[in-house]
N, C-alpha and C. Protein backbone atom coordinates (compact mmCIF):
# COMPACT_ATOMS: atom_id res chain seq x y z
N MET A 1 -25.57 -188.27 127.30
CA MET A 1 -25.00 -189.32 126.49
C MET A 1 -25.50 -190.65 127.02
N GLY A 2 -26.15 -191.45 126.17
CA GLY A 2 -26.63 -192.75 126.58
C GLY A 2 -25.89 -193.84 125.84
N TRP A 3 -25.99 -195.09 126.33
CA TRP A 3 -25.36 -196.20 125.63
C TRP A 3 -26.18 -197.46 125.82
N ILE A 4 -25.98 -198.38 124.86
CA ILE A 4 -26.65 -199.67 124.88
C ILE A 4 -25.57 -200.72 124.67
N LYS A 5 -25.63 -201.83 125.40
CA LYS A 5 -24.64 -202.90 125.27
C LYS A 5 -25.36 -204.20 124.91
N GLN A 6 -24.73 -205.00 124.00
CA GLN A 6 -25.31 -206.26 123.58
C GLN A 6 -24.17 -207.23 123.28
N ALA A 7 -24.28 -208.50 123.68
CA ALA A 7 -23.28 -209.53 123.37
C ALA A 7 -23.69 -210.26 122.10
N ILE A 8 -22.70 -210.53 121.22
CA ILE A 8 -22.95 -211.23 119.97
C ILE A 8 -21.76 -212.16 119.66
N SER A 9 -21.84 -212.92 118.58
CA SER A 9 -20.75 -213.84 118.23
C SER A 9 -19.57 -213.11 117.58
N PRO A 10 -18.38 -213.78 117.46
CA PRO A 10 -17.16 -213.13 116.97
C PRO A 10 -17.26 -212.58 115.54
N LEU A 11 -16.47 -211.56 115.26
CA LEU A 11 -16.41 -210.90 113.95
C LEU A 11 -14.98 -210.78 113.48
N ILE A 12 -14.82 -210.43 112.22
CA ILE A 12 -13.51 -210.05 111.73
C ILE A 12 -13.65 -208.83 110.84
N GLY A 13 -12.66 -207.96 110.88
CA GLY A 13 -12.52 -206.82 109.98
C GLY A 13 -13.75 -206.00 109.69
N LYS A 14 -14.03 -205.81 108.39
CA LYS A 14 -15.11 -204.93 107.93
C LYS A 14 -16.50 -205.44 108.29
N GLU A 15 -16.61 -206.69 108.71
CA GLU A 15 -17.92 -207.20 109.13
C GLU A 15 -18.47 -206.38 110.30
N ALA A 16 -17.57 -205.76 111.05
CA ALA A 16 -17.99 -204.95 112.20
C ALA A 16 -18.91 -203.81 111.76
N GLU A 17 -18.60 -203.18 110.63
CA GLU A 17 -19.45 -202.10 110.13
C GLU A 17 -20.83 -202.60 109.75
N GLY A 18 -20.89 -203.77 109.14
CA GLY A 18 -22.19 -204.36 108.80
C GLY A 18 -22.99 -204.71 110.05
N LEU A 19 -22.30 -205.22 111.04
CA LEU A 19 -22.95 -205.55 112.30
C LEU A 19 -23.47 -204.28 112.97
N ALA A 20 -22.65 -203.23 112.97
CA ALA A 20 -23.06 -201.96 113.57
C ALA A 20 -24.29 -201.41 112.84
N ARG A 21 -24.28 -201.49 111.53
CA ARG A 21 -25.43 -201.00 110.75
C ARG A 21 -26.70 -201.77 111.12
N THR A 22 -26.61 -203.10 111.14
CA THR A 22 -27.76 -203.92 111.49
C THR A 22 -28.25 -203.60 112.90
N PHE A 23 -27.32 -203.48 113.83
CA PHE A 23 -27.66 -203.15 115.21
C PHE A 23 -28.41 -201.81 115.28
N LEU A 24 -27.89 -200.79 114.59
CA LEU A 24 -28.52 -199.47 114.62
C LEU A 24 -29.89 -199.48 113.94
N GLU A 25 -30.02 -200.24 112.86
CA GLU A 25 -31.33 -200.34 112.19
C GLU A 25 -32.35 -200.99 113.13
N LYS A 26 -31.92 -201.97 113.92
CA LYS A 26 -32.83 -202.60 114.88
C LYS A 26 -33.23 -201.63 115.99
N GLN A 27 -32.43 -200.59 116.19
CA GLN A 27 -32.75 -199.57 117.19
C GLN A 27 -33.63 -198.47 116.60
N GLY A 28 -33.97 -198.61 115.30
CA GLY A 28 -34.87 -197.66 114.66
C GLY A 28 -34.22 -196.63 113.76
N LEU A 29 -32.90 -196.66 113.61
CA LEU A 29 -32.23 -195.72 112.73
C LEU A 29 -32.34 -196.17 111.28
N LYS A 30 -32.33 -195.22 110.36
CA LYS A 30 -32.44 -195.51 108.94
C LYS A 30 -31.07 -195.33 108.29
N PHE A 31 -30.66 -196.31 107.51
CA PHE A 31 -29.37 -196.27 106.82
C PHE A 31 -29.40 -195.26 105.67
N ILE A 32 -28.34 -194.46 105.56
CA ILE A 32 -28.21 -193.52 104.45
C ILE A 32 -27.01 -193.88 103.57
N GLU A 33 -25.84 -194.06 104.21
CA GLU A 33 -24.62 -194.28 103.44
C GLU A 33 -23.56 -194.94 104.32
N HIS A 34 -22.63 -195.66 103.69
CA HIS A 34 -21.50 -196.22 104.44
C HIS A 34 -20.19 -195.88 103.74
N ASN A 35 -19.13 -195.85 104.52
CA ASN A 35 -17.78 -195.58 104.02
C ASN A 35 -17.71 -194.30 103.18
N TYR A 36 -18.30 -193.24 103.69
CA TYR A 36 -18.20 -191.94 103.02
C TYR A 36 -16.75 -191.47 103.15
N ARG A 37 -16.14 -191.16 102.02
CA ARG A 37 -14.75 -190.69 102.02
C ARG A 37 -14.64 -189.36 101.32
N CYS A 38 -13.78 -188.53 101.87
CA CYS A 38 -13.45 -187.26 101.23
C CYS A 38 -11.98 -187.01 101.50
N ARG A 39 -11.48 -185.91 101.03
CA ARG A 39 -10.04 -185.66 101.18
C ARG A 39 -9.63 -185.40 102.62
N THR A 40 -10.57 -185.13 103.49
CA THR A 40 -10.22 -184.82 104.88
C THR A 40 -10.44 -185.98 105.85
N GLY A 41 -11.08 -187.06 105.40
CA GLY A 41 -11.31 -188.17 106.32
C GLY A 41 -12.38 -189.12 105.81
N GLU A 42 -12.90 -189.92 106.74
CA GLU A 42 -13.88 -190.95 106.40
C GLU A 42 -14.93 -191.06 107.51
N ILE A 43 -16.15 -191.40 107.10
CA ILE A 43 -17.24 -191.66 108.04
C ILE A 43 -17.72 -193.08 107.74
N ASP A 44 -17.71 -193.93 108.76
CA ASP A 44 -18.07 -195.34 108.56
C ASP A 44 -19.53 -195.50 108.16
N LEU A 45 -20.44 -194.88 108.92
CA LEU A 45 -21.87 -195.00 108.63
C LEU A 45 -22.54 -193.64 108.78
N ILE A 46 -23.48 -193.37 107.91
CA ILE A 46 -24.34 -192.20 108.06
C ILE A 46 -25.76 -192.75 108.15
N MET A 47 -26.41 -192.43 109.24
CA MET A 47 -27.75 -192.94 109.53
C MET A 47 -28.67 -191.75 109.78
N GLN A 48 -29.95 -192.03 109.93
CA GLN A 48 -30.92 -191.00 110.28
C GLN A 48 -31.75 -191.51 111.45
N ASP A 49 -31.90 -190.65 112.44
CA ASP A 49 -32.70 -190.95 113.63
C ASP A 49 -33.75 -189.86 113.72
N GLY A 50 -34.94 -190.15 113.20
CA GLY A 50 -35.97 -189.12 113.10
C GLY A 50 -35.51 -188.05 112.13
N GLU A 51 -35.45 -186.81 112.58
CA GLU A 51 -35.00 -185.70 111.74
C GLU A 51 -33.49 -185.49 111.82
N GLN A 52 -32.84 -186.24 112.70
CA GLN A 52 -31.42 -186.02 112.98
C GLN A 52 -30.52 -186.95 112.16
N LEU A 53 -29.49 -186.35 111.51
CA LEU A 53 -28.46 -187.15 110.86
C LEU A 53 -27.53 -187.67 111.94
N VAL A 54 -27.12 -188.93 111.80
CA VAL A 54 -26.23 -189.55 112.77
C VAL A 54 -24.98 -190.02 112.03
N PHE A 55 -23.85 -189.46 112.39
CA PHE A 55 -22.57 -189.81 111.80
C PHE A 55 -21.89 -190.78 112.76
N VAL A 56 -21.62 -192.00 112.28
CA VAL A 56 -21.20 -193.09 113.16
C VAL A 56 -19.77 -193.52 112.86
N GLU A 57 -18.97 -193.56 113.91
CA GLU A 57 -17.64 -194.16 113.84
C GLU A 57 -17.76 -195.56 114.45
N VAL A 58 -17.24 -196.57 113.74
CA VAL A 58 -17.27 -197.94 114.22
C VAL A 58 -15.85 -198.36 114.55
N LYS A 59 -15.65 -198.86 115.75
CA LYS A 59 -14.33 -199.35 116.18
C LYS A 59 -14.49 -200.79 116.64
N TYR A 60 -13.56 -201.64 116.21
CA TYR A 60 -13.59 -203.06 116.58
C TYR A 60 -12.20 -203.48 117.05
N ARG A 61 -12.16 -204.20 118.15
CA ARG A 61 -10.90 -204.71 118.69
C ARG A 61 -11.09 -206.16 119.09
N THR A 62 -10.14 -207.02 118.66
CA THR A 62 -10.20 -208.43 119.03
C THR A 62 -9.52 -208.67 120.37
N ARG A 63 -8.63 -207.77 120.76
CA ARG A 63 -7.93 -207.91 122.05
C ARG A 63 -7.94 -206.57 122.78
N SER A 64 -7.92 -206.64 124.09
CA SER A 64 -7.96 -205.41 124.88
C SER A 64 -6.60 -205.03 125.46
N GLN A 65 -5.54 -205.75 125.09
CA GLN A 65 -4.23 -205.48 125.67
C GLN A 65 -3.73 -204.07 125.37
N PHE A 66 -4.19 -203.46 124.30
CA PHE A 66 -3.80 -202.09 123.97
C PHE A 66 -4.93 -201.11 124.17
N GLY A 67 -5.99 -201.53 124.85
CA GLY A 67 -7.12 -200.67 125.13
C GLY A 67 -8.39 -201.17 124.46
N SER A 68 -9.50 -200.63 124.90
CA SER A 68 -10.80 -201.04 124.35
C SER A 68 -11.06 -200.30 123.04
N ALA A 69 -12.05 -200.78 122.31
CA ALA A 69 -12.41 -200.14 121.04
C ALA A 69 -12.81 -198.67 121.25
N MET A 70 -13.48 -198.39 122.36
CA MET A 70 -13.90 -197.01 122.64
C MET A 70 -12.71 -196.06 122.72
N GLU A 71 -11.60 -196.56 123.25
CA GLU A 71 -10.41 -195.73 123.43
C GLU A 71 -9.73 -195.35 122.12
N TYR A 72 -10.06 -196.04 121.04
CA TYR A 72 -9.42 -195.78 119.76
C TYR A 72 -10.04 -194.61 118.99
N PHE A 73 -11.06 -194.00 119.53
CA PHE A 73 -11.61 -192.79 118.91
C PHE A 73 -10.99 -191.60 119.64
N HIS A 74 -9.71 -191.45 119.45
CA HIS A 74 -8.91 -190.44 120.15
C HIS A 74 -9.06 -189.07 119.49
N PRO A 75 -8.55 -188.01 120.12
CA PRO A 75 -8.75 -186.64 119.61
C PRO A 75 -8.31 -186.42 118.16
N ALA A 76 -7.20 -186.99 117.73
CA ALA A 76 -6.76 -186.80 116.34
C ALA A 76 -7.75 -187.44 115.37
N LYS A 77 -8.23 -188.63 115.69
CA LYS A 77 -9.22 -189.31 114.85
C LYS A 77 -10.53 -188.53 114.84
N ARG A 78 -10.90 -188.02 115.99
CA ARG A 78 -12.13 -187.24 116.09
C ARG A 78 -12.07 -185.97 115.23
N ARG A 79 -10.92 -185.30 115.23
CA ARG A 79 -10.77 -184.09 114.40
C ARG A 79 -10.97 -184.41 112.92
N LYS A 80 -10.36 -185.50 112.45
CA LYS A 80 -10.53 -185.90 111.05
C LYS A 80 -11.98 -186.27 110.76
N PHE A 81 -12.61 -186.93 111.73
CA PHE A 81 -14.01 -187.34 111.58
C PHE A 81 -14.91 -186.10 111.45
N VAL A 82 -14.71 -185.13 112.33
CA VAL A 82 -15.52 -183.90 112.29
C VAL A 82 -15.27 -183.15 110.99
N SER A 83 -14.04 -183.14 110.52
CA SER A 83 -13.73 -182.49 109.24
C SER A 83 -14.49 -183.17 108.10
N ALA A 84 -14.51 -184.51 108.09
CA ALA A 84 -15.26 -185.24 107.06
C ALA A 84 -16.76 -184.97 107.18
N LEU A 85 -17.25 -184.88 108.40
CA LEU A 85 -18.66 -184.56 108.65
C LEU A 85 -19.01 -183.20 108.04
N MET A 86 -18.18 -182.20 108.28
CA MET A 86 -18.43 -180.87 107.73
C MET A 86 -18.36 -180.88 106.20
N TYR A 87 -17.43 -181.64 105.67
CA TYR A 87 -17.32 -181.76 104.22
C TYR A 87 -18.59 -182.38 103.65
N TYR A 88 -19.10 -183.44 104.30
CA TYR A 88 -20.34 -184.10 103.86
C TYR A 88 -21.50 -183.11 103.88
N MET A 89 -21.60 -182.36 104.95
CA MET A 89 -22.72 -181.41 105.07
C MET A 89 -22.63 -180.33 103.99
N GLN A 90 -21.43 -179.83 103.76
CA GLN A 90 -21.26 -178.81 102.72
C GLN A 90 -21.60 -179.39 101.35
N GLU A 91 -21.10 -180.59 101.08
CA GLU A 91 -21.35 -181.25 99.80
C GLU A 91 -22.84 -181.48 99.56
N ASN A 92 -23.59 -181.68 100.63
CA ASN A 92 -25.03 -181.95 100.54
C ASN A 92 -25.88 -180.72 100.85
N HIS A 93 -25.26 -179.55 100.86
CA HIS A 93 -25.94 -178.27 101.06
C HIS A 93 -26.72 -178.22 102.37
N LEU A 94 -26.10 -178.74 103.43
CA LEU A 94 -26.70 -178.73 104.76
C LEU A 94 -25.92 -177.76 105.65
N ASN A 95 -26.62 -176.93 106.35
CA ASN A 95 -25.98 -175.99 107.26
C ASN A 95 -25.82 -176.66 108.62
N PRO A 96 -24.57 -176.89 109.08
CA PRO A 96 -24.36 -177.58 110.36
C PRO A 96 -24.94 -176.83 111.56
N SER A 97 -25.16 -175.53 111.42
CA SER A 97 -25.77 -174.75 112.50
C SER A 97 -27.27 -174.99 112.61
N ILE A 98 -27.88 -175.43 111.51
CA ILE A 98 -29.33 -175.59 111.47
C ILE A 98 -29.73 -177.07 111.40
N ALA A 99 -29.05 -177.84 110.54
CA ALA A 99 -29.42 -179.25 110.34
C ALA A 99 -29.10 -180.05 111.60
N PRO A 100 -30.11 -180.70 112.19
CA PRO A 100 -29.86 -181.48 113.40
C PRO A 100 -28.97 -182.68 113.07
N HIS A 101 -27.91 -182.84 113.85
CA HIS A 101 -26.99 -183.95 113.64
C HIS A 101 -26.25 -184.28 114.94
N ARG A 102 -25.66 -185.48 114.96
CA ARG A 102 -24.87 -185.88 116.11
C ARG A 102 -23.82 -186.89 115.66
N ILE A 103 -22.86 -187.13 116.53
CA ILE A 103 -21.83 -188.15 116.31
C ILE A 103 -22.05 -189.26 117.32
N ASP A 104 -22.13 -190.50 116.82
CA ASP A 104 -22.25 -191.68 117.67
C ASP A 104 -21.02 -192.56 117.45
N LEU A 105 -20.72 -193.36 118.45
CA LEU A 105 -19.64 -194.34 118.37
C LEU A 105 -20.22 -195.71 118.65
N VAL A 106 -19.95 -196.66 117.76
CA VAL A 106 -20.28 -198.05 118.02
C VAL A 106 -18.94 -198.76 118.21
N ALA A 107 -18.69 -199.18 119.44
CA ALA A 107 -17.43 -199.85 119.80
C ALA A 107 -17.71 -201.32 120.04
N ILE A 108 -16.97 -202.17 119.37
CA ILE A 108 -17.17 -203.61 119.47
C ILE A 108 -15.87 -204.24 119.97
N ASP A 109 -15.96 -204.91 121.11
CA ASP A 109 -14.80 -205.57 121.72
C ASP A 109 -15.07 -207.06 121.83
N ASN A 110 -14.06 -207.86 121.52
CA ASN A 110 -14.15 -209.31 121.72
C ASN A 110 -13.93 -209.59 123.19
N ASN A 111 -14.82 -210.36 123.81
CA ASN A 111 -14.68 -210.65 125.24
C ASN A 111 -14.07 -212.03 125.46
N LYS A 112 -13.85 -212.39 126.72
CA LYS A 112 -13.18 -213.64 127.07
C LYS A 112 -13.96 -214.88 126.66
N ALA A 113 -15.25 -214.77 126.46
CA ALA A 113 -16.08 -215.90 126.02
C ALA A 113 -16.07 -216.02 124.50
N ASN A 114 -15.15 -215.29 123.85
CA ASN A 114 -15.03 -215.27 122.39
C ASN A 114 -16.31 -214.80 121.72
N GLN A 115 -16.95 -213.83 122.34
CA GLN A 115 -18.10 -213.15 121.75
C GLN A 115 -17.74 -211.68 121.64
N ASP A 116 -18.51 -210.96 120.87
CA ASP A 116 -18.29 -209.53 120.73
C ASP A 116 -19.36 -208.77 121.50
N ASP A 117 -18.94 -207.74 122.19
CA ASP A 117 -19.85 -206.85 122.91
C ASP A 117 -19.98 -205.56 122.12
N ILE A 118 -21.21 -205.15 121.85
CA ILE A 118 -21.47 -203.89 121.15
C ILE A 118 -21.81 -202.84 122.19
N ASN A 119 -21.08 -201.72 122.13
CA ASN A 119 -21.37 -200.56 122.98
C ASN A 119 -21.70 -199.40 122.05
N TRP A 120 -22.88 -198.84 122.24
CA TRP A 120 -23.33 -197.72 121.39
C TRP A 120 -23.35 -196.48 122.25
N LEU A 121 -22.48 -195.56 121.92
CA LEU A 121 -22.44 -194.28 122.64
C LEU A 121 -23.04 -193.21 121.75
N LYS A 122 -24.11 -192.60 122.21
CA LYS A 122 -24.81 -191.59 121.44
C LYS A 122 -24.31 -190.18 121.77
N ASN A 123 -24.27 -189.37 120.73
CA ASN A 123 -24.01 -187.94 120.91
C ASN A 123 -22.72 -187.67 121.69
N ILE A 124 -21.64 -188.26 121.19
CA ILE A 124 -20.38 -188.09 121.92
C ILE A 124 -19.69 -186.78 121.59
């Protein structure tokens, strides 16, 4: 599991997903879809990294008093995310045993200098 960190200016709400998309595209990933929803959950971003599909959860926190953005991808959220991932693959006729894929987390935290730090955790 690798990660990349970058400092940027402040964000609000859904802008975090746009920032995460731009950040990932600069890292060479190709955008496929955003805000995929199904009855079992939601996937913030679906990207492609070479032959591999990348299912991305984006978390943003303006304050750390209740934990960092990374901490908000807890087991219950992860289960719903994986369920949505499987639904997406089934809907698109992709076999999860064969089709290369991974789950990434882009966690964005506001720091004391009133900037946002992007942490990209691959293959979590």
